[in-house]
Amino acid sequence: MTRRPCAFRQQDVTRAVRGAKKAGIDLARIEIAQDGKIVLVAENGGTTEEPNDLDRELEEFEARHGKN
C-alpha cells in the first residue's frame, strides 16, 4: 500500500495562522481535510478559511498603496 503525497505543506498552515492572527482572530483549533483544505476555527465558534489569491493580492496592494 503506497502513501499519497501530502495535500498541504507546513508553510500553508503557517501562512493561514499568521493571516488569522494578523486579522485579530483568536484560534481555537485548525482542521485539515484529506484533500488539503485548511479550516481555521475561531474561539468564538466562527470559522474562516485560508485567504484565497484575490485576498492576498488585495492585501499586497493595500500595503503598497494604503487603504482608501
N, C-alpha and C. Protein backbone atom coordinates (compact mmCIF):
# COMPACT_ATOMS: atom_id res chain seq x y z
N MET A 1 0.84 -1.17 0.00
CA MET A 1 0.00 0.00 0.00
C MET A 1 0.90 1.24 0.00
N THR A 2 0.74 2.07 -0.99
CA THR A 2 1.57 3.28 -1.07
C THR A 2 0.84 4.46 -0.46
N ARG A 3 1.63 5.39 0.02
CA ARG A 3 1.06 6.59 0.63
C ARG A 3 0.89 7.66 -0.43
N ARG A 4 -0.19 8.40 -0.32
CA ARG A 4 -0.42 9.52 -1.22
C ARG A 4 0.47 10.69 -0.79
N PRO A 5 0.85 11.53 -1.74
CA PRO A 5 1.61 12.72 -1.34
C PRO A 5 0.73 13.64 -0.49
N CYS A 6 1.36 14.34 0.39
CA CYS A 6 0.65 15.23 1.30
C CYS A 6 -0.04 16.34 0.50
N ALA A 7 -1.29 16.64 0.86
CA ALA A 7 -2.07 17.64 0.13
C ALA A 7 -1.81 19.06 0.62
N PHE A 8 -1.07 19.22 1.70
CA PHE A 8 -0.76 20.55 2.21
C PHE A 8 0.67 20.54 2.73
N ARG A 9 1.21 21.74 2.90
CA ARG A 9 2.56 21.88 3.44
C ARG A 9 2.50 22.67 4.74
N GLN A 10 3.52 22.54 5.54
CA GLN A 10 3.60 23.26 6.80
C GLN A 10 3.48 24.76 6.56
N GLN A 11 4.10 25.24 5.49
CA GLN A 11 4.04 26.68 5.22
C GLN A 11 2.62 27.14 4.90
N ASP A 12 1.78 26.26 4.35
CA ASP A 12 0.38 26.61 4.10
C ASP A 12 -0.35 26.87 5.42
N VAL A 13 -0.11 25.99 6.39
CA VAL A 13 -0.75 26.13 7.69
C VAL A 13 -0.21 27.38 8.40
N THR A 14 1.10 27.57 8.35
CA THR A 14 1.72 28.73 8.98
C THR A 14 1.17 30.02 8.40
N ARG A 15 1.05 30.08 7.09
CA ARG A 15 0.53 31.27 6.42
C ARG A 15 -0.92 31.55 6.84
N ALA A 16 -1.72 30.51 6.94
CA ALA A 16 -3.12 30.68 7.34
C ALA A 16 -3.23 31.18 8.77
N VAL A 17 -2.41 30.62 9.67
CA VAL A 17 -2.45 31.03 11.08
C VAL A 17 -1.97 32.47 11.23
N ARG A 18 -0.89 32.83 10.55
CA ARG A 18 -0.40 34.21 10.61
C ARG A 18 -1.44 35.19 10.11
N GLY A 19 -2.11 34.84 9.02
CA GLY A 19 -3.15 35.71 8.47
C GLY A 19 -4.30 35.90 9.44
N ALA A 20 -4.69 34.83 10.11
CA ALA A 20 -5.78 34.92 11.09
C ALA A 20 -5.38 35.79 12.27
N LYS A 21 -4.17 35.59 12.76
CA LYS A 21 -3.70 36.39 13.89
C LYS A 21 -3.58 37.86 13.51
N LYS A 22 -3.11 38.12 12.29
CA LYS A 22 -2.98 39.50 11.82
C LYS A 22 -4.35 40.16 11.71
N ALA A 23 -5.38 39.36 11.40
CA ALA A 23 -6.75 39.87 11.30
C ALA A 23 -7.41 39.98 12.66
N GLY A 24 -6.71 39.57 13.72
CA GLY A 24 -7.25 39.69 15.07
C GLY A 24 -8.15 38.54 15.48
N ILE A 25 -8.03 37.41 14.81
CA ILE A 25 -8.86 36.25 15.12
C ILE A 25 -8.10 35.33 16.07
N ASP A 26 -8.72 35.02 17.21
CA ASP A 26 -8.15 34.06 18.15
C ASP A 26 -8.61 32.66 17.74
N LEU A 27 -7.66 31.77 17.50
CA LEU A 27 -7.99 30.44 17.00
C LEU A 27 -8.20 29.44 18.13
N ALA A 28 -9.23 28.62 17.98
CA ALA A 28 -9.48 27.53 18.91
C ALA A 28 -8.80 26.26 18.40
N ARG A 29 -8.88 26.03 17.09
CA ARG A 29 -8.24 24.84 16.50
C ARG A 29 -8.11 25.02 14.99
N ILE A 30 -7.34 24.11 14.40
CA ILE A 30 -7.13 24.09 12.96
C ILE A 30 -7.54 22.70 12.48
N GLU A 31 -8.34 22.66 11.42
CA GLU A 31 -8.76 21.38 10.84
C GLU A 31 -8.18 21.30 9.43
N ILE A 32 -7.64 20.13 9.09
CA ILE A 32 -7.09 19.92 7.76
C ILE A 32 -7.75 18.67 7.18
N ALA A 33 -8.46 18.85 6.07
CA ALA A 33 -9.15 17.74 5.42
C ALA A 33 -8.16 16.92 4.59
N GLN A 34 -8.58 15.74 4.19
CA GLN A 34 -7.71 14.87 3.41
C GLN A 34 -7.35 15.48 2.06
N ASP A 35 -8.21 16.35 1.53
CA ASP A 35 -7.91 16.98 0.25
C ASP A 35 -7.01 18.20 0.39
N GLY A 36 -6.60 18.53 1.64
CA GLY A 36 -5.70 19.65 1.88
C GLY A 36 -6.39 20.94 2.27
N LYS A 37 -7.70 20.93 2.35
CA LYS A 37 -8.45 22.13 2.74
C LYS A 37 -8.13 22.45 4.20
N ILE A 38 -7.76 23.71 4.44
CA ILE A 38 -7.41 24.16 5.79
C ILE A 38 -8.55 25.01 6.32
N VAL A 39 -9.10 24.63 7.47
CA VAL A 39 -10.18 25.37 8.10
C VAL A 39 -9.70 25.84 9.47
N LEU A 40 -9.79 27.14 9.70
CA LEU A 40 -9.42 27.71 10.99
C LEU A 40 -10.70 27.97 11.77
N VAL A 41 -10.76 27.46 12.99
CA VAL A 41 -11.94 27.64 13.82
C VAL A 41 -11.60 28.64 14.91
N ALA A 42 -12.36 29.74 14.93
CA ALA A 42 -12.13 30.81 15.90
C ALA A 42 -12.65 30.40 17.27
N GLU A 43 -12.12 31.04 18.30
CA GLU A 43 -12.53 30.72 19.66
C GLU A 43 -14.00 31.01 19.90
N ASN A 44 -14.55 32.01 19.22
CA ASN A 44 -15.95 32.35 19.42
C ASN A 44 -16.89 31.44 18.64
N GLY A 45 -16.36 30.44 17.95
CA GLY A 45 -17.19 29.48 17.23
C GLY A 45 -17.31 29.74 15.75
N GLY A 46 -16.92 30.90 15.27
CA GLY A 46 -16.97 31.18 13.84
C GLY A 46 -15.85 30.46 13.12
N THR A 47 -15.99 30.28 11.83
CA THR A 47 -14.93 29.65 11.05
C THR A 47 -14.49 30.59 9.95
N THR A 48 -13.27 30.43 9.56
CA THR A 48 -12.73 31.17 8.43
C THR A 48 -11.77 30.26 7.70
N GLU A 49 -11.69 30.41 6.42
CA GLU A 49 -10.80 29.59 5.62
C GLU A 49 -9.57 30.39 5.25
N GLU A 50 -8.57 29.69 4.76
CA GLU A 50 -7.36 30.36 4.31
C GLU A 50 -7.73 31.36 3.23
N PRO A 51 -7.14 32.57 3.27
CA PRO A 51 -7.46 33.57 2.25
C PRO A 51 -7.10 33.06 0.85
N ASN A 52 -7.92 33.42 -0.12
CA ASN A 52 -7.63 32.99 -1.49
C ASN A 52 -6.67 33.98 -2.15
N ASP A 53 -6.32 33.72 -3.40
CA ASP A 53 -5.36 34.55 -4.11
C ASP A 53 -5.81 36.01 -4.22
N LEU A 54 -7.10 36.22 -4.42
CA LEU A 54 -7.61 37.59 -4.54
C LEU A 54 -7.44 38.35 -3.23
N ASP A 55 -7.69 37.69 -2.10
CA ASP A 55 -7.48 38.33 -0.80
C ASP A 55 -6.02 38.71 -0.61
N ARG A 56 -5.12 37.83 -1.01
CA ARG A 56 -3.68 38.12 -0.86
C ARG A 56 -3.26 39.29 -1.75
N GLU A 57 -3.77 39.31 -2.98
CA GLU A 57 -3.44 40.41 -3.89
C GLU A 57 -3.95 41.74 -3.34
N LEU A 58 -5.16 41.75 -2.79
CA LEU A 58 -5.72 42.97 -2.22
C LEU A 58 -4.87 43.43 -1.03
N GLU A 59 -4.47 42.50 -0.19
CA GLU A 59 -3.65 42.84 0.96
C GLU A 59 -2.31 43.44 0.53
N GLU A 60 -1.68 42.85 -0.50
CA GLU A 60 -0.42 43.38 -1.01
C GLU A 60 -0.61 44.76 -1.62
N PHE A 61 -1.69 44.95 -2.36
CA PHE A 61 -1.98 46.25 -2.97
C PHE A 61 -2.16 47.31 -1.90
N GLU A 62 -2.95 46.99 -0.87
CA GLU A 62 -3.19 47.95 0.21
C GLU A 62 -1.91 48.26 0.98
N ALA A 63 -1.03 47.28 1.11
CA ALA A 63 0.24 47.51 1.79
C ALA A 63 1.12 48.48 1.00
N ARG A 64 1.07 48.37 -0.33
CA ARG A 64 1.88 49.26 -1.17
C ARG A 64 1.28 50.65 -1.31
N HIS A 65 -0.04 50.72 -1.45
CA HIS A 65 -0.70 51.98 -1.79
C HIS A 65 -1.53 52.58 -0.67
N GLY A 66 -1.69 51.88 0.42
CA GLY A 66 -2.50 52.37 1.53
C GLY A 66 -3.97 52.11 1.29
N LYS A 67 -4.73 52.06 2.37
CA LYS A 67 -6.17 51.83 2.26
C LYS A 67 -6.87 53.15 1.98
N ASN A 68 -7.94 53.09 1.22
CA ASN A 68 -8.74 54.29 0.93
C ASN A 68 -10.01 54.27 1.70
